[in-house]
């Protein structure tokens, strides 16, 4: 089994970008469950605890 994900994005009808990644960060905030269900077609029984002012600190790429 191969770990990771592939994202296909379109800038317009002629330009398509394909990205391979190990992780995707969903920054949709309180709409995360809608994004998972409606766009990603993923069902989950997980719930969220919403907070204000979350920040991620990561190493420089």
N, C-alpha and C. Protein backbone atom coordinates (compact mmCIF):
# COMPACT_ATOMS: atom_id res chain seq x y z
N UNK A 1 0.84 -1.19 0.00
CA UNK A 1 0.00 0.00 0.00
C UNK A 1 0.88 1.24 0.00
N UNK A 2 0.58 2.17 -0.84
CA UNK A 2 1.34 3.41 -0.94
C UNK A 2 0.70 4.47 -0.06
N UNK A 3 1.52 5.09 0.80
CA UNK A 3 1.02 6.17 1.64
C UNK A 3 1.12 7.48 0.89
N UNK A 4 0.24 8.40 1.20
CA UNK A 4 0.26 9.70 0.57
C UNK A 4 -1.01 9.96 -0.21
N UNK A 5 -1.04 11.13 -0.82
CA UNK A 5 -2.23 11.57 -1.54
C UNK A 5 -1.81 12.28 -2.81
N UNK A 6 -2.72 12.34 -3.74
CA UNK A 6 -2.49 13.10 -4.95
C UNK A 6 -3.61 14.11 -5.09
N UNK A 7 -3.25 15.35 -5.34
CA UNK A 7 -4.22 16.42 -5.50
C UNK A 7 -4.14 16.90 -6.94
N UNK A 8 -5.28 17.02 -7.58
CA UNK A 8 -5.34 17.55 -8.93
C UNK A 8 -6.11 18.86 -8.88
N UNK A 9 -5.46 19.92 -9.29
CA UNK A 9 -6.10 21.23 -9.28
C UNK A 9 -6.11 21.85 -10.66
N UNK A 10 -7.10 22.63 -10.94
CA UNK A 10 -7.19 23.30 -12.24
C UNK A 10 -7.18 24.81 -12.04
N UNK A 11 -6.31 25.46 -12.78
CA UNK A 11 -6.30 26.92 -12.79
C UNK A 11 -7.34 27.44 -13.78
N UNK A 12 -7.52 26.71 -14.87
CA UNK A 12 -8.55 27.01 -15.86
C UNK A 12 -8.75 25.74 -16.69
N UNK A 13 -9.44 25.79 -17.79
CA UNK A 13 -9.72 24.58 -18.58
C UNK A 13 -8.47 23.99 -19.23
N UNK A 14 -7.44 24.79 -19.45
CA UNK A 14 -6.25 24.31 -20.13
C UNK A 14 -5.12 23.90 -19.18
N UNK A 15 -5.07 24.49 -18.00
CA UNK A 15 -3.94 24.26 -17.10
C UNK A 15 -4.37 23.38 -15.93
N UNK A 16 -3.70 22.23 -15.82
CA UNK A 16 -3.99 21.30 -14.73
C UNK A 16 -2.69 21.04 -13.98
N UNK A 17 -2.71 21.08 -12.67
CA UNK A 17 -1.55 20.81 -11.83
C UNK A 17 -1.80 19.55 -11.02
N UNK A 18 -0.81 18.70 -10.92
CA UNK A 18 -0.91 17.50 -10.10
C UNK A 18 0.18 17.56 -9.04
N UNK A 19 -0.22 17.38 -7.78
CA UNK A 19 0.70 17.42 -6.66
C UNK A 19 0.63 16.09 -5.91
N UNK A 20 1.77 15.55 -5.55
CA UNK A 20 1.82 14.36 -4.70
C UNK A 20 2.31 14.81 -3.33
N UNK A 21 1.63 14.37 -2.29
CA UNK A 21 1.95 14.83 -0.95
C UNK A 21 1.73 13.73 0.07
N UNK A 22 2.33 13.88 1.23
CA UNK A 22 2.14 12.93 2.32
C UNK A 22 0.96 13.33 3.20
N UNK A 23 0.58 14.60 3.15
CA UNK A 23 -0.52 15.07 4.00
C UNK A 23 -1.20 16.26 3.35
N UNK A 24 -2.44 16.47 3.73
CA UNK A 24 -3.21 17.64 3.30
C UNK A 24 -3.70 18.33 4.56
N UNK A 25 -3.54 19.64 4.61
CA UNK A 25 -4.07 20.42 5.74
C UNK A 25 -5.38 21.04 5.30
N UNK A 26 -6.43 20.70 5.98
CA UNK A 26 -7.74 21.25 5.68
C UNK A 26 -7.93 22.49 6.55
N UNK A 27 -7.91 23.66 5.95
CA UNK A 27 -8.04 24.91 6.68
C UNK A 27 -9.42 25.52 6.47
N UNK A 28 -10.44 24.68 6.39
CA UNK A 28 -11.79 25.17 6.14
C UNK A 28 -12.54 25.56 7.40
N UNK A 29 -11.87 25.50 8.55
CA UNK A 29 -12.47 25.96 9.80
C UNK A 29 -13.73 25.20 10.16
N UNK A 30 -14.79 25.91 10.53
CA UNK A 30 -16.01 25.25 10.97
C UNK A 30 -16.73 24.48 9.86
N UNK A 31 -16.26 24.63 8.64
CA UNK A 31 -16.89 23.94 7.51
C UNK A 31 -16.19 22.63 7.16
N UNK A 32 -15.26 22.19 7.99
CA UNK A 32 -14.44 21.01 7.68
C UNK A 32 -15.29 19.77 7.42
N UNK A 33 -16.32 19.54 8.19
CA UNK A 33 -17.16 18.35 7.97
C UNK A 33 -17.91 18.43 6.65
N UNK A 34 -18.34 19.64 6.27
CA UNK A 34 -19.00 19.82 4.97
C UNK A 34 -18.03 19.54 3.82
N UNK A 35 -16.80 20.01 3.95
CA UNK A 35 -15.79 19.78 2.92
C UNK A 35 -15.51 18.29 2.78
N UNK A 36 -15.32 17.61 3.92
CA UNK A 36 -15.06 16.17 3.87
C UNK A 36 -16.21 15.41 3.21
N UNK A 37 -17.43 15.74 3.59
CA UNK A 37 -18.60 15.01 3.09
C UNK A 37 -18.92 15.36 1.64
N UNK A 38 -19.00 16.65 1.32
CA UNK A 38 -19.49 17.07 0.01
C UNK A 38 -18.43 17.07 -1.08
N UNK A 39 -17.20 17.41 -0.75
CA UNK A 39 -16.16 17.51 -1.76
C UNK A 39 -15.27 16.26 -1.79
N UNK A 40 -14.83 15.82 -0.61
CA UNK A 40 -13.93 14.66 -0.55
C UNK A 40 -14.67 13.34 -0.53
N UNK A 41 -15.99 13.39 -0.32
CA UNK A 41 -16.82 12.17 -0.26
C UNK A 41 -16.35 11.21 0.83
N UNK A 42 -16.00 11.78 2.01
CA UNK A 42 -15.54 11.00 3.15
C UNK A 42 -16.56 11.14 4.27
N UNK A 43 -17.03 10.01 4.77
CA UNK A 43 -17.95 10.01 5.91
C UNK A 43 -17.14 9.78 7.19
N UNK A 44 -17.47 10.49 8.25
CA UNK A 44 -16.77 10.32 9.52
C UNK A 44 -17.74 10.49 10.67
N UNK A 45 -17.44 9.85 11.77
CA UNK A 45 -18.23 10.04 12.98
C UNK A 45 -17.48 10.90 13.99
N UNK A 46 -16.38 11.51 13.57
CA UNK A 46 -15.59 12.39 14.43
C UNK A 46 -16.30 13.72 14.62
N UNK A 47 -16.04 14.36 15.74
CA UNK A 47 -16.60 15.69 15.98
C UNK A 47 -15.46 16.67 16.19
N UNK A 48 -15.79 17.94 16.14
CA UNK A 48 -14.79 19.00 16.28
C UNK A 48 -15.06 19.84 17.51
N UNK A 49 -13.99 20.37 18.06
CA UNK A 49 -14.10 21.38 19.10
C UNK A 49 -13.50 22.65 18.51
N UNK A 50 -14.33 23.61 18.19
CA UNK A 50 -13.86 24.82 17.53
C UNK A 50 -13.22 25.77 18.54
N UNK A 51 -12.11 26.36 18.14
CA UNK A 51 -11.39 27.33 18.96
C UNK A 51 -11.11 28.56 18.12
N UNK A 52 -10.78 29.65 18.77
CA UNK A 52 -10.41 30.87 18.05
C UNK A 52 -8.91 31.07 18.13
N UNK A 53 -8.33 31.58 17.07
CA UNK A 53 -6.93 31.95 17.09
C UNK A 53 -5.95 30.79 17.05
N UNK A 54 -6.28 29.72 16.35
CA UNK A 54 -5.35 28.61 16.22
C UNK A 54 -4.21 28.99 15.28
N UNK A 55 -3.02 28.54 15.61
CA UNK A 55 -1.85 28.80 14.78
C UNK A 55 -1.04 27.53 14.65
N UNK A 56 -0.46 27.32 13.48
CA UNK A 56 0.44 26.20 13.25
C UNK A 56 1.84 26.74 13.09
N UNK A 57 2.79 26.12 13.77
CA UNK A 57 4.19 26.50 13.63
C UNK A 57 4.91 25.30 13.05
N UNK A 58 5.54 25.49 11.89
CA UNK A 58 6.20 24.38 11.21
C UNK A 58 7.62 24.78 10.84
N UNK A 59 8.45 23.77 10.57
CA UNK A 59 9.80 24.02 10.10
C UNK A 59 9.75 24.66 8.72
N UNK A 60 10.77 25.44 8.41
CA UNK A 60 10.86 26.05 7.09
C UNK A 60 11.03 24.96 6.05
N UNK A 61 10.29 25.07 4.96
CA UNK A 61 10.38 24.07 3.89
C UNK A 61 11.61 24.28 3.05
